[in-house]
N, C-alpha and C. Protein backbone atom coordinates (compact mmCIF):
# COMPACT_ATOMS: atom_id res chain seq x y z
N MET A 1 -1.30 26.09 10.12
CA MET A 1 -2.28 25.94 9.04
C MET A 1 -3.53 25.26 9.57
N SER A 2 -4.69 25.78 9.20
CA SER A 2 -5.94 25.21 9.66
C SER A 2 -6.21 23.88 8.98
N GLU A 3 -7.19 23.14 9.52
CA GLU A 3 -7.52 21.85 8.94
C GLU A 3 -8.05 22.02 7.51
N ARG A 4 -8.84 23.06 7.29
CA ARG A 4 -9.37 23.30 5.95
C ARG A 4 -8.25 23.62 4.97
N GLY A 5 -7.27 24.42 5.42
CA GLY A 5 -6.15 24.75 4.56
C GLY A 5 -5.29 23.53 4.26
N ALA A 6 -5.09 22.68 5.28
CA ALA A 6 -4.31 21.47 5.06
C ALA A 6 -5.00 20.53 4.10
N LEU A 7 -6.34 20.41 4.24
CA LEU A 7 -7.10 19.56 3.33
C LEU A 7 -7.02 20.08 1.90
N ARG A 8 -7.11 21.39 1.77
CA ARG A 8 -7.05 21.99 0.43
C ARG A 8 -5.68 21.75 -0.20
N ALA A 9 -4.63 21.86 0.60
CA ALA A 9 -3.28 21.62 0.07
C ALA A 9 -3.11 20.18 -0.38
N ARG A 10 -3.65 19.23 0.42
CA ARG A 10 -3.55 17.82 0.03
C ARG A 10 -4.33 17.54 -1.25
N LEU A 11 -5.50 18.15 -1.38
CA LEU A 11 -6.30 17.95 -2.60
C LEU A 11 -5.60 18.52 -3.83
N GLU A 12 -4.93 19.66 -3.65
CA GLU A 12 -4.20 20.25 -4.77
C GLU A 12 -3.04 19.35 -5.19
N LEU A 13 -2.33 18.80 -4.22
CA LEU A 13 -1.23 17.87 -4.53
C LEU A 13 -1.76 16.63 -5.24
N LEU A 14 -2.89 16.12 -4.76
CA LEU A 14 -3.48 14.94 -5.39
C LEU A 14 -3.92 15.24 -6.82
N ALA A 15 -4.49 16.43 -7.03
CA ALA A 15 -4.93 16.82 -8.38
C ALA A 15 -3.75 16.90 -9.34
N ARG A 16 -2.62 17.48 -8.86
CA ARG A 16 -1.44 17.56 -9.72
C ARG A 16 -0.88 16.17 -10.01
N GLU A 17 -0.92 15.31 -8.99
CA GLU A 17 -0.43 13.95 -9.20
C GLU A 17 -1.28 13.21 -10.23
N ILE A 18 -2.60 13.35 -10.12
CA ILE A 18 -3.50 12.69 -11.07
C ILE A 18 -3.27 13.23 -12.47
N ALA A 19 -3.05 14.55 -12.59
CA ALA A 19 -2.82 15.15 -13.90
C ALA A 19 -1.54 14.60 -14.54
N LYS A 20 -0.46 14.54 -13.76
CA LYS A 20 0.79 14.00 -14.29
C LYS A 20 0.66 12.52 -14.62
N PHE A 21 0.00 11.78 -13.73
CA PHE A 21 -0.23 10.36 -14.00
C PHE A 21 -1.02 10.19 -15.28
N GLY A 22 -2.01 11.07 -15.48
CA GLY A 22 -2.84 10.98 -16.68
C GLY A 22 -2.06 11.28 -17.96
N VAL A 23 -1.13 12.24 -17.88
CA VAL A 23 -0.32 12.56 -19.06
C VAL A 23 0.53 11.36 -19.46
N VAL A 24 1.22 10.78 -18.47
CA VAL A 24 2.05 9.61 -18.76
C VAL A 24 1.19 8.45 -19.23
N GLY A 25 0.06 8.26 -18.56
CA GLY A 25 -0.85 7.19 -18.97
C GLY A 25 -1.40 7.41 -20.36
N GLY A 26 -1.67 8.69 -20.72
CA GLY A 26 -2.17 8.99 -22.05
C GLY A 26 -1.16 8.64 -23.14
N VAL A 27 0.11 8.97 -22.88
CA VAL A 27 1.16 8.59 -23.83
C VAL A 27 1.26 7.07 -23.93
N GLY A 28 1.17 6.41 -22.77
CA GLY A 28 1.21 4.94 -22.77
C GLY A 28 0.02 4.35 -23.52
N LEU A 29 -1.14 5.01 -23.41
CA LEU A 29 -2.32 4.54 -24.13
C LEU A 29 -2.12 4.60 -25.64
N VAL A 30 -1.54 5.71 -26.10
CA VAL A 30 -1.27 5.85 -27.54
C VAL A 30 -0.30 4.77 -28.01
N VAL A 31 0.75 4.55 -27.22
CA VAL A 31 1.72 3.51 -27.57
C VAL A 31 1.06 2.14 -27.57
N ASN A 32 0.23 1.88 -26.55
CA ASN A 32 -0.42 0.58 -26.41
C ASN A 32 -1.37 0.31 -27.58
N ILE A 33 -2.23 1.26 -27.86
CA ILE A 33 -3.20 1.08 -28.94
C ILE A 33 -2.49 1.01 -30.30
N GLY A 34 -1.49 1.86 -30.50
CA GLY A 34 -0.77 1.85 -31.76
C GLY A 34 -0.05 0.53 -32.00
N ALA A 35 0.64 0.04 -30.96
CA ALA A 35 1.35 -1.23 -31.09
C ALA A 35 0.38 -2.38 -31.31
N SER A 36 -0.76 -2.33 -30.61
CA SER A 36 -1.76 -3.40 -30.76
C SER A 36 -2.27 -3.47 -32.19
N ASN A 37 -2.61 -2.33 -32.76
CA ASN A 37 -3.15 -2.32 -34.12
C ASN A 37 -2.10 -2.73 -35.15
N LEU A 38 -0.86 -2.34 -34.92
CA LEU A 38 0.20 -2.77 -35.84
C LEU A 38 0.37 -4.29 -35.80
N LEU A 39 0.34 -4.85 -34.58
CA LEU A 39 0.50 -6.30 -34.45
C LEU A 39 -0.71 -7.04 -35.00
N TRP A 40 -1.91 -6.50 -34.78
CA TRP A 40 -3.11 -7.16 -35.31
C TRP A 40 -3.14 -7.14 -36.84
N ARG A 41 -2.63 -6.07 -37.39
CA ARG A 41 -2.75 -5.91 -38.84
C ARG A 41 -1.62 -6.60 -39.62
N TYR A 42 -0.41 -6.53 -39.08
CA TYR A 42 0.73 -6.98 -39.87
C TYR A 42 1.37 -8.29 -39.36
N THR A 43 0.82 -8.89 -38.33
CA THR A 43 1.36 -10.16 -37.85
C THR A 43 0.22 -11.16 -37.71
N ASP A 44 0.61 -12.41 -37.51
CA ASP A 44 -0.37 -13.47 -37.30
C ASP A 44 -0.53 -13.81 -35.82
N ILE A 45 -0.03 -12.94 -34.93
CA ILE A 45 -0.15 -13.18 -33.49
C ILE A 45 -1.63 -13.08 -33.10
N PRO A 46 -2.15 -14.01 -32.30
CA PRO A 46 -3.56 -13.95 -31.87
C PRO A 46 -3.88 -12.61 -31.20
N THR A 47 -5.14 -12.26 -31.22
CA THR A 47 -5.58 -10.94 -30.76
C THR A 47 -5.15 -10.63 -29.33
N VAL A 48 -5.42 -11.56 -28.41
CA VAL A 48 -5.11 -11.31 -26.99
C VAL A 48 -3.61 -11.26 -26.77
N ARG A 49 -2.85 -12.14 -27.39
CA ARG A 49 -1.40 -12.15 -27.22
C ARG A 49 -0.77 -10.87 -27.78
N ALA A 50 -1.26 -10.44 -28.91
CA ALA A 50 -0.75 -9.19 -29.49
C ALA A 50 -1.07 -8.00 -28.58
N GLY A 51 -2.27 -8.00 -28.00
CA GLY A 51 -2.63 -6.93 -27.07
C GLY A 51 -1.77 -6.94 -25.83
N LEU A 52 -1.44 -8.14 -25.33
CA LEU A 52 -0.59 -8.26 -24.15
C LEU A 52 0.82 -7.78 -24.46
N LEU A 53 1.35 -8.12 -25.63
CA LEU A 53 2.68 -7.67 -26.02
C LEU A 53 2.74 -6.15 -26.12
N ALA A 54 1.69 -5.55 -26.68
CA ALA A 54 1.64 -4.09 -26.76
C ALA A 54 1.59 -3.46 -25.37
N THR A 55 0.89 -4.11 -24.45
CA THR A 55 0.83 -3.61 -23.07
C THR A 55 2.21 -3.60 -22.43
N LEU A 56 2.98 -4.66 -22.64
CA LEU A 56 4.33 -4.72 -22.07
C LEU A 56 5.22 -3.62 -22.63
N ILE A 57 5.08 -3.32 -23.91
CA ILE A 57 5.86 -2.24 -24.51
C ILE A 57 5.51 -0.91 -23.85
N ALA A 58 4.23 -0.67 -23.62
CA ALA A 58 3.79 0.58 -23.00
C ALA A 58 4.22 0.67 -21.55
N VAL A 59 4.26 -0.47 -20.85
CA VAL A 59 4.61 -0.49 -19.42
C VAL A 59 6.01 0.06 -19.19
N PHE A 60 6.96 -0.36 -19.99
CA PHE A 60 8.34 0.09 -19.81
C PHE A 60 8.47 1.59 -20.09
N GLY A 61 7.72 2.10 -21.06
CA GLY A 61 7.72 3.54 -21.29
C GLY A 61 7.07 4.29 -20.14
N ASN A 62 6.02 3.72 -19.57
CA ASN A 62 5.35 4.36 -18.43
C ASN A 62 6.26 4.46 -17.22
N TYR A 63 7.07 3.43 -16.99
CA TYR A 63 7.96 3.46 -15.82
C TYR A 63 8.90 4.67 -15.89
N LEU A 64 9.46 4.93 -17.05
CA LEU A 64 10.36 6.08 -17.18
C LEU A 64 9.61 7.38 -16.91
N GLY A 65 8.39 7.49 -17.42
CA GLY A 65 7.62 8.70 -17.19
C GLY A 65 7.23 8.89 -15.74
N PHE A 66 6.83 7.82 -15.07
CA PHE A 66 6.44 7.90 -13.66
C PHE A 66 7.64 8.20 -12.76
N ARG A 67 8.74 7.49 -13.02
CA ARG A 67 9.90 7.61 -12.14
C ARG A 67 10.56 8.98 -12.26
N TYR A 68 10.70 9.48 -13.48
CA TYR A 68 11.48 10.69 -13.70
C TYR A 68 10.63 11.94 -13.92
N TRP A 69 9.31 11.82 -13.79
CA TRP A 69 8.48 13.02 -13.89
C TRP A 69 7.36 13.03 -12.86
N THR A 70 6.42 12.09 -12.97
CA THR A 70 5.28 12.10 -12.05
C THR A 70 5.72 11.95 -10.60
N TYR A 71 6.59 10.98 -10.32
CA TYR A 71 7.01 10.69 -8.95
C TYR A 71 8.51 10.92 -8.76
N ARG A 72 9.03 11.94 -9.40
CA ARG A 72 10.47 12.19 -9.30
C ARG A 72 10.90 12.61 -7.91
N ASP A 73 9.96 13.13 -7.10
CA ASP A 73 10.29 13.57 -5.74
C ASP A 73 10.05 12.49 -4.69
N ARG A 74 9.62 11.32 -5.12
CA ARG A 74 9.36 10.24 -4.17
C ARG A 74 10.66 9.52 -3.80
N ASP A 75 10.55 8.58 -2.85
CA ASP A 75 11.70 7.85 -2.34
C ASP A 75 12.43 7.11 -3.47
N LYS A 76 13.78 7.27 -3.51
CA LYS A 76 14.59 6.60 -4.52
C LYS A 76 15.59 5.64 -3.90
N SER A 77 15.43 5.32 -2.62
CA SER A 77 16.44 4.54 -1.92
C SER A 77 16.47 3.07 -2.35
N GLY A 78 15.33 2.49 -2.66
CA GLY A 78 15.28 1.07 -3.01
C GLY A 78 14.87 0.87 -4.46
N ARG A 79 15.77 1.15 -5.39
CA ARG A 79 15.41 1.10 -6.80
C ARG A 79 15.08 -0.32 -7.25
N THR A 80 15.79 -1.34 -6.73
CA THR A 80 15.50 -2.72 -7.12
C THR A 80 14.11 -3.13 -6.64
N ARG A 81 13.81 -2.79 -5.38
CA ARG A 81 12.48 -3.09 -4.83
C ARG A 81 11.41 -2.35 -5.62
N GLU A 82 11.67 -1.10 -5.94
CA GLU A 82 10.70 -0.29 -6.68
C GLU A 82 10.39 -0.90 -8.04
N LEU A 83 11.44 -1.28 -8.77
CA LEU A 83 11.23 -1.84 -10.10
C LEU A 83 10.52 -3.19 -10.03
N THR A 84 10.86 -3.99 -9.01
CA THR A 84 10.21 -5.30 -8.85
C THR A 84 8.72 -5.14 -8.60
N LEU A 85 8.37 -4.23 -7.68
CA LEU A 85 6.95 -4.00 -7.39
C LEU A 85 6.24 -3.38 -8.59
N PHE A 86 6.92 -2.51 -9.30
CA PHE A 86 6.31 -1.91 -10.48
C PHE A 86 5.96 -2.98 -11.51
N LEU A 87 6.88 -3.88 -11.76
CA LEU A 87 6.62 -4.95 -12.72
C LEU A 87 5.52 -5.88 -12.22
N LEU A 88 5.50 -6.12 -10.91
CA LEU A 88 4.47 -7.00 -10.34
C LEU A 88 3.08 -6.41 -10.52
N PHE A 89 2.90 -5.14 -10.11
CA PHE A 89 1.59 -4.51 -10.23
C PHE A 89 1.23 -4.23 -11.69
N SER A 90 2.25 -3.99 -12.51
CA SER A 90 1.98 -3.83 -13.94
C SER A 90 1.48 -5.14 -14.54
N ALA A 91 2.03 -6.26 -14.06
CA ALA A 91 1.58 -7.56 -14.55
C ALA A 91 0.13 -7.81 -14.16
N VAL A 92 -0.23 -7.42 -12.92
CA VAL A 92 -1.63 -7.56 -12.48
C VAL A 92 -2.53 -6.69 -13.35
N GLY A 93 -2.09 -5.46 -13.64
CA GLY A 93 -2.87 -4.59 -14.52
C GLY A 93 -3.00 -5.16 -15.91
N ALA A 94 -1.92 -5.81 -16.40
CA ALA A 94 -1.98 -6.42 -17.73
C ALA A 94 -2.98 -7.58 -17.75
N VAL A 95 -3.04 -8.32 -16.64
CA VAL A 95 -4.02 -9.41 -16.55
C VAL A 95 -5.44 -8.86 -16.59
N ILE A 96 -5.68 -7.77 -15.86
CA ILE A 96 -7.01 -7.15 -15.88
C ILE A 96 -7.35 -6.67 -17.29
N GLU A 97 -6.39 -5.98 -17.90
CA GLU A 97 -6.61 -5.44 -19.24
C GLU A 97 -6.85 -6.54 -20.27
N SER A 98 -6.01 -7.57 -20.23
CA SER A 98 -6.15 -8.68 -21.18
C SER A 98 -7.39 -9.52 -20.89
N GLY A 99 -7.77 -9.57 -19.61
CA GLY A 99 -8.96 -10.34 -19.24
C GLY A 99 -10.22 -9.76 -19.87
N VAL A 100 -10.31 -8.44 -19.89
CA VAL A 100 -11.47 -7.79 -20.52
C VAL A 100 -11.49 -8.09 -22.02
N LEU A 101 -10.32 -7.97 -22.65
CA LEU A 101 -10.24 -8.24 -24.09
C LEU A 101 -10.51 -9.72 -24.39
N TYR A 102 -10.03 -10.59 -23.53
CA TYR A 102 -10.24 -12.04 -23.71
C TYR A 102 -11.73 -12.38 -23.61
N ALA A 103 -12.39 -11.80 -22.60
CA ALA A 103 -13.82 -12.08 -22.41
C ALA A 103 -14.63 -11.60 -23.62
N ALA A 104 -14.26 -10.44 -24.16
CA ALA A 104 -14.99 -9.92 -25.32
C ALA A 104 -14.72 -10.75 -26.57
N THR A 105 -13.45 -11.16 -26.74
CA THR A 105 -13.06 -11.87 -27.96
C THR A 105 -13.57 -13.30 -27.98
N TYR A 106 -13.30 -14.05 -26.90
CA TYR A 106 -13.62 -15.47 -26.89
C TYR A 106 -14.92 -15.78 -26.15
N GLY A 107 -15.34 -14.88 -25.28
CA GLY A 107 -16.58 -15.13 -24.57
C GLY A 107 -17.82 -14.71 -25.35
N PHE A 108 -17.71 -13.58 -26.04
CA PHE A 108 -18.86 -13.04 -26.76
C PHE A 108 -18.65 -12.98 -28.27
N GLY A 109 -17.45 -13.30 -28.72
CA GLY A 109 -17.19 -13.29 -30.16
C GLY A 109 -17.07 -11.91 -30.75
N TRP A 110 -16.79 -10.90 -29.90
CA TRP A 110 -16.66 -9.53 -30.38
C TRP A 110 -15.19 -9.29 -30.76
N ASN A 111 -14.83 -9.63 -31.96
CA ASN A 111 -13.43 -9.56 -32.35
C ASN A 111 -13.19 -8.78 -33.65
N SER A 112 -14.12 -7.92 -34.01
CA SER A 112 -13.86 -7.04 -35.15
C SER A 112 -12.85 -5.98 -34.73
N PRO A 113 -12.18 -5.31 -35.67
CA PRO A 113 -11.19 -4.28 -35.30
C PRO A 113 -11.77 -3.21 -34.37
N VAL A 114 -12.98 -2.75 -34.67
CA VAL A 114 -13.58 -1.72 -33.82
C VAL A 114 -13.87 -2.27 -32.42
N GLN A 115 -14.45 -3.46 -32.34
CA GLN A 115 -14.78 -4.05 -31.06
C GLN A 115 -13.52 -4.35 -30.25
N SER A 116 -12.49 -4.82 -30.92
CA SER A 116 -11.24 -5.11 -30.21
C SER A 116 -10.66 -3.83 -29.61
N ASN A 117 -10.72 -2.73 -30.36
CA ASN A 117 -10.21 -1.46 -29.84
C ASN A 117 -11.05 -0.95 -28.68
N VAL A 118 -12.36 -1.10 -28.77
CA VAL A 118 -13.24 -0.64 -27.69
C VAL A 118 -12.93 -1.37 -26.39
N PHE A 119 -12.83 -2.69 -26.47
CA PHE A 119 -12.60 -3.45 -25.24
C PHE A 119 -11.15 -3.37 -24.78
N LYS A 120 -10.26 -3.11 -25.70
CA LYS A 120 -8.88 -2.83 -25.31
C LYS A 120 -8.82 -1.57 -24.46
N ILE A 121 -9.49 -0.51 -24.92
CA ILE A 121 -9.51 0.75 -24.18
C ILE A 121 -10.25 0.59 -22.85
N LEU A 122 -11.33 -0.17 -22.84
CA LEU A 122 -12.06 -0.40 -21.59
C LEU A 122 -11.18 -1.13 -20.58
N GLY A 123 -10.45 -2.13 -21.04
CA GLY A 123 -9.55 -2.86 -20.15
C GLY A 123 -8.44 -1.97 -19.63
N ILE A 124 -7.92 -1.09 -20.48
CA ILE A 124 -6.87 -0.16 -20.05
C ILE A 124 -7.41 0.78 -18.97
N GLY A 125 -8.64 1.25 -19.15
CA GLY A 125 -9.23 2.15 -18.15
C GLY A 125 -9.37 1.51 -16.79
N ILE A 126 -9.85 0.27 -16.75
CA ILE A 126 -9.98 -0.44 -15.46
C ILE A 126 -8.61 -0.70 -14.85
N ALA A 127 -7.68 -1.15 -15.70
CA ALA A 127 -6.34 -1.45 -15.19
C ALA A 127 -5.62 -0.19 -14.71
N THR A 128 -5.90 0.96 -15.35
CA THR A 128 -5.25 2.21 -14.95
C THR A 128 -5.65 2.62 -13.55
N MET A 129 -6.91 2.45 -13.18
CA MET A 129 -7.34 2.77 -11.82
C MET A 129 -6.60 1.91 -10.79
N PHE A 130 -6.42 0.63 -11.11
CA PHE A 130 -5.66 -0.25 -10.21
C PHE A 130 -4.20 0.18 -10.14
N ARG A 131 -3.62 0.51 -11.27
CA ARG A 131 -2.21 0.90 -11.29
C ARG A 131 -1.98 2.20 -10.53
N PHE A 132 -2.89 3.15 -10.69
CA PHE A 132 -2.73 4.42 -9.98
C PHE A 132 -2.69 4.19 -8.48
N TRP A 133 -3.61 3.38 -7.97
CA TRP A 133 -3.64 3.09 -6.53
C TRP A 133 -2.39 2.35 -6.09
N SER A 134 -2.00 1.32 -6.82
CA SER A 134 -0.87 0.48 -6.40
C SER A 134 0.46 1.21 -6.54
N TYR A 135 0.63 1.98 -7.60
CA TYR A 135 1.91 2.67 -7.79
C TYR A 135 2.15 3.71 -6.69
N ARG A 136 1.15 4.54 -6.42
CA ARG A 136 1.35 5.61 -5.43
C ARG A 136 1.40 5.08 -4.01
N THR A 137 0.83 3.89 -3.77
CA THR A 137 0.81 3.33 -2.42
C THR A 137 2.02 2.47 -2.13
N TRP A 138 2.44 1.67 -3.09
CA TRP A 138 3.47 0.67 -2.82
C TRP A 138 4.75 0.88 -3.60
N VAL A 139 4.69 1.42 -4.80
CA VAL A 139 5.89 1.50 -5.64
C VAL A 139 6.65 2.79 -5.41
N PHE A 140 6.02 3.92 -5.71
CA PHE A 140 6.67 5.23 -5.55
C PHE A 140 6.19 5.83 -4.23
N LYS A 141 6.78 5.38 -3.15
CA LYS A 141 6.32 5.77 -1.82
C LYS A 141 6.77 7.18 -1.49
N ALA A 142 5.89 7.91 -0.81
CA ALA A 142 6.20 9.28 -0.43
C ALA A 142 7.22 9.28 0.70
N LEU A 143 8.09 10.28 0.67
CA LEU A 143 9.07 10.44 1.74
C LEU A 143 8.37 10.92 3.00
N PRO A 144 8.84 10.48 4.18
CA PRO A 144 8.22 10.96 5.43
C PRO A 144 8.42 12.45 5.61
N GLU A 145 7.40 13.11 6.12
CA GLU A 145 7.47 14.54 6.34
C GLU A 145 8.38 14.86 7.51
N ALA A 146 9.27 15.83 7.33
CA ALA A 146 10.18 16.24 8.40
C ALA A 146 9.45 17.16 9.36
N ARG A 147 9.46 16.78 10.63
CA ARG A 147 8.79 17.60 11.65
C ARG A 147 9.82 18.43 12.40
N PRO A 148 9.65 19.76 12.43
CA PRO A 148 10.63 20.60 13.14
C PRO A 148 10.61 20.35 14.63
N ARG A 149 11.83 20.33 15.26
CA ARG A 149 11.93 20.11 16.68
C ARG A 149 11.76 21.42 17.42
N PRO A 150 11.00 21.45 18.51
CA PRO A 150 10.81 22.69 19.26
C PRO A 150 12.14 23.27 19.71
N GLU A 151 12.22 24.61 19.79
CA GLU A 151 13.45 25.26 20.20
C GLU A 151 13.78 24.89 21.64
N GLY A 152 15.05 24.57 21.87
CA GLY A 152 15.50 24.22 23.21
C GLY A 152 15.29 22.77 23.56
N ALA A 153 14.58 22.03 22.69
CA ALA A 153 14.34 20.61 22.99
C ALA A 153 15.59 19.82 22.68
N HIS A 154 15.92 18.85 23.54
CA HIS A 154 17.09 17.99 23.36
C HIS A 154 16.67 16.76 22.59
N PRO A 155 17.52 16.21 21.71
CA PRO A 155 17.13 15.05 20.93
C PRO A 155 16.86 13.81 21.73
N THR A 156 17.37 13.72 22.96
CA THR A 156 17.12 12.54 23.77
C THR A 156 16.08 12.84 24.81
N GLY A 157 15.24 11.88 25.10
CA GLY A 157 14.15 12.09 26.04
C GLY A 157 14.64 12.31 27.45
N ALA A 158 15.71 11.62 27.86
CA ALA A 158 16.20 11.70 29.23
C ALA A 158 16.73 13.10 29.52
N ALA A 159 17.48 13.67 28.56
CA ALA A 159 18.04 14.99 28.78
C ALA A 159 16.95 16.04 28.77
N ALA A 160 15.92 15.85 27.91
CA ALA A 160 14.86 16.84 27.82
C ALA A 160 14.07 16.91 29.10
N SER A 161 13.90 15.78 29.79
CA SER A 161 13.12 15.76 31.02
C SER A 161 13.96 16.04 32.25
N GLY A 162 15.31 16.13 32.07
CA GLY A 162 16.17 16.44 33.20
C GLY A 162 16.50 15.24 34.04
N THR A 163 16.17 14.05 33.62
CA THR A 163 16.44 12.84 34.38
C THR A 163 17.73 12.22 33.92
N GLY A 164 18.18 11.22 34.67
CA GLY A 164 19.40 10.50 34.30
C GLY A 164 20.57 11.05 35.07
N THR A 165 21.40 10.16 35.64
CA THR A 165 22.55 10.56 36.42
C THR A 165 23.76 9.82 35.93
N GLY A 166 24.95 10.31 36.37
CA GLY A 166 26.20 9.60 36.08
C GLY A 166 26.45 9.54 34.60
N ALA A 167 26.79 8.29 34.15
CA ALA A 167 27.16 8.11 32.75
C ALA A 167 25.99 8.32 31.83
N GLY A 168 24.75 8.19 32.33
CA GLY A 168 23.59 8.32 31.46
C GLY A 168 22.97 9.69 31.52
N SER A 169 23.65 10.71 32.07
CA SER A 169 23.09 12.04 32.20
C SER A 169 23.12 12.77 30.89
N ALA A 170 22.61 14.03 30.93
CA ALA A 170 22.53 14.83 29.71
C ALA A 170 23.90 15.15 29.16
N ALA A 171 24.93 15.20 30.03
CA ALA A 171 26.27 15.52 29.56
C ALA A 171 26.81 14.44 28.66
N ASP A 172 26.33 13.20 28.86
CA ASP A 172 26.83 12.08 28.08
C ASP A 172 26.01 11.83 26.84
N SER A 173 24.85 12.48 26.71
CA SER A 173 24.03 12.24 25.54
C SER A 173 24.59 13.01 24.37
N PRO A 174 24.47 12.50 23.13
CA PRO A 174 25.04 13.17 21.96
C PRO A 174 24.36 14.49 21.69
N SER A 175 25.17 15.48 21.34
CA SER A 175 24.62 16.79 20.99
C SER A 175 24.24 16.81 19.53
N ASP A 176 23.79 18.00 19.06
CA ASP A 176 23.34 18.10 17.67
C ASP A 176 24.47 17.84 16.70
N GLY A 177 25.72 18.13 17.08
CA GLY A 177 26.83 17.95 16.16
C GLY A 177 27.46 16.59 16.24
N GLU A 178 26.96 15.74 17.15
CA GLU A 178 27.54 14.43 17.32
C GLU A 178 26.59 13.38 16.81
N SER A 179 27.14 12.25 16.45
CA SER A 179 26.33 11.13 15.98
C SER A 179 26.02 10.20 17.11
N ALA A 180 24.96 9.41 16.96
CA ALA A 180 24.49 8.53 18.01
C ALA A 180 25.53 7.50 18.43
N PRO A 181 26.36 6.91 17.52
CA PRO A 181 27.31 5.90 17.94
C PRO A 181 28.35 6.39 18.93
N ASP A 182 28.57 7.76 19.09
CA ASP A 182 29.55 8.26 20.05
C ASP A 182 29.08 8.14 21.49
N GLY A 183 27.79 7.94 21.70
CA GLY A 183 27.27 7.87 23.05
C GLY A 183 27.89 6.78 23.89
N PRO A 184 27.88 5.51 23.46
CA PRO A 184 28.51 4.43 24.23
C PRO A 184 29.98 4.67 24.50
N VAL A 185 30.70 5.30 23.54
CA VAL A 185 32.12 5.56 23.74
C VAL A 185 32.32 6.54 24.87
N ARG A 186 31.50 7.57 24.90
CA ARG A 186 31.63 8.58 25.96
C ARG A 186 31.28 7.99 27.32
N VAL A 187 30.31 7.11 27.34
CA VAL A 187 29.95 6.45 28.60
C VAL A 187 31.12 5.63 29.12
N ALA A 188 31.76 4.89 28.22
CA ALA A 188 32.90 4.07 28.63
C ALA A 188 34.05 4.93 29.11
N GLU A 189 34.34 6.05 28.43
CA GLU A 189 35.41 6.94 28.87
C GLU A 189 35.12 7.53 30.24
N GLY A 190 33.87 7.91 30.46
CA GLY A 190 33.51 8.45 31.77
C GLY A 190 33.67 7.44 32.87
N PHE A 191 33.32 6.19 32.58
CA PHE A 191 33.47 5.13 33.58
C PHE A 191 34.94 4.91 33.92
N LEU A 192 35.82 4.91 32.90
CA LEU A 192 37.25 4.70 33.15
C LEU A 192 37.83 5.86 33.95
N GLU A 193 37.42 7.09 33.64
CA GLU A 193 37.92 8.23 34.39
C GLU A 193 37.49 8.16 35.86
N GLN A 194 36.25 7.70 36.08
CA GLN A 194 35.77 7.57 37.45
C GLN A 194 36.57 6.53 38.22
N ARG A 195 36.89 5.42 37.55
CA ARG A 195 37.68 4.37 38.20
C ARG A 195 39.09 4.86 38.52
N ARG A 196 39.70 5.62 37.62
CA ARG A 196 41.05 6.14 37.89
C ARG A 196 41.03 7.13 39.05
N ALA A 197 39.98 7.92 39.13
CA ALA A 197 39.88 8.89 40.23
C ALA A 197 39.76 8.19 41.58
N GLU A 198 39.06 7.05 41.59
CA GLU A 198 38.91 6.32 42.85
C GLU A 198 40.23 5.71 43.32
N ARG A 199 41.11 5.41 42.38
CA ARG A 199 42.38 4.78 42.76
C ARG A 199 43.42 5.79 43.22
N LEU A 200 43.26 7.10 42.94
CA LEU A 200 44.23 8.11 43.37
C LEU A 200 44.16 8.28 44.89
N PRO A 201 45.31 8.55 45.54
CA PRO A 201 45.30 8.76 47.01
C PRO A 201 44.52 10.00 47.37
N ARG A 202 43.70 9.90 48.36
CA ARG A 202 42.86 11.00 48.80
C ARG A 202 43.64 11.96 49.72
N VAL A 203 43.43 13.27 49.57
CA VAL A 203 44.07 14.29 50.41
C VAL A 203 43.20 14.53 51.62
N GLU A 204 43.77 14.45 52.81
CA GLU A 204 43.00 14.64 54.03
C GLU A 204 42.48 16.07 54.12
N ALA A 205 41.28 16.18 54.58
CA ALA A 205 40.68 17.51 54.69
C ALA A 205 41.23 18.29 55.85
N ASP A 206 41.66 17.60 56.93
CA ASP A 206 42.16 18.27 58.13
C ASP A 206 43.55 18.87 57.84
N PRO A 207 43.93 19.97 58.53
CA PRO A 207 45.29 20.54 58.35
C PRO A 207 46.34 19.57 58.84
N VAL A 208 47.54 19.68 58.29
CA VAL A 208 48.63 18.76 58.66
C VAL A 208 49.06 19.05 60.08
N ARG A 209 49.09 17.98 60.84
CA ARG A 209 49.54 18.15 62.25
C ARG A 209 51.05 18.26 62.34
N ARG A 210 51.48 19.17 63.17
CA ARG A 210 52.91 19.37 63.39
C ARG A 210 53.41 18.51 64.54
């Protein structure tokens, strides 16, 4: 594949990722804004605290969407690490989001329902850009690309170059059907066989004298 084709393929993958991220984020936005307005209207929780609580509700819903749809093909080996980092970066995003709302509410006195919603959405937009970068870079890490091995190439460098003698030769290196831990065992067996051969009585090369 040419460089232009590879670049185009990467851009297409990035575009699909952004689209899926946006769908999940859009659902989270609806949940966030809806929960915020319900808390502002029907509870006595202060504006910023209610907005932060709504953000936490949306974060847990977003994790399910990202893990099982947007990034379902990403690495799943370290689920505890993944969830920990997700919560950490989500907390940073919540601080960014709440910081914008806090500055508008207490810094400028813009705390009418319309103003609160405007700055809530603005904070979500800024925090979303941070979350997109942090999630795809640190949380849902891409699996390493598998590179095909050239035909006839041996998995070990020594055998491929034809070097190595005795116990460390190509005959002792693991084949495609063997696992790496068998290598030391085969070396030890070869060493023992060599020692036993040295202890056997040698047959004279000359014919037996009469």
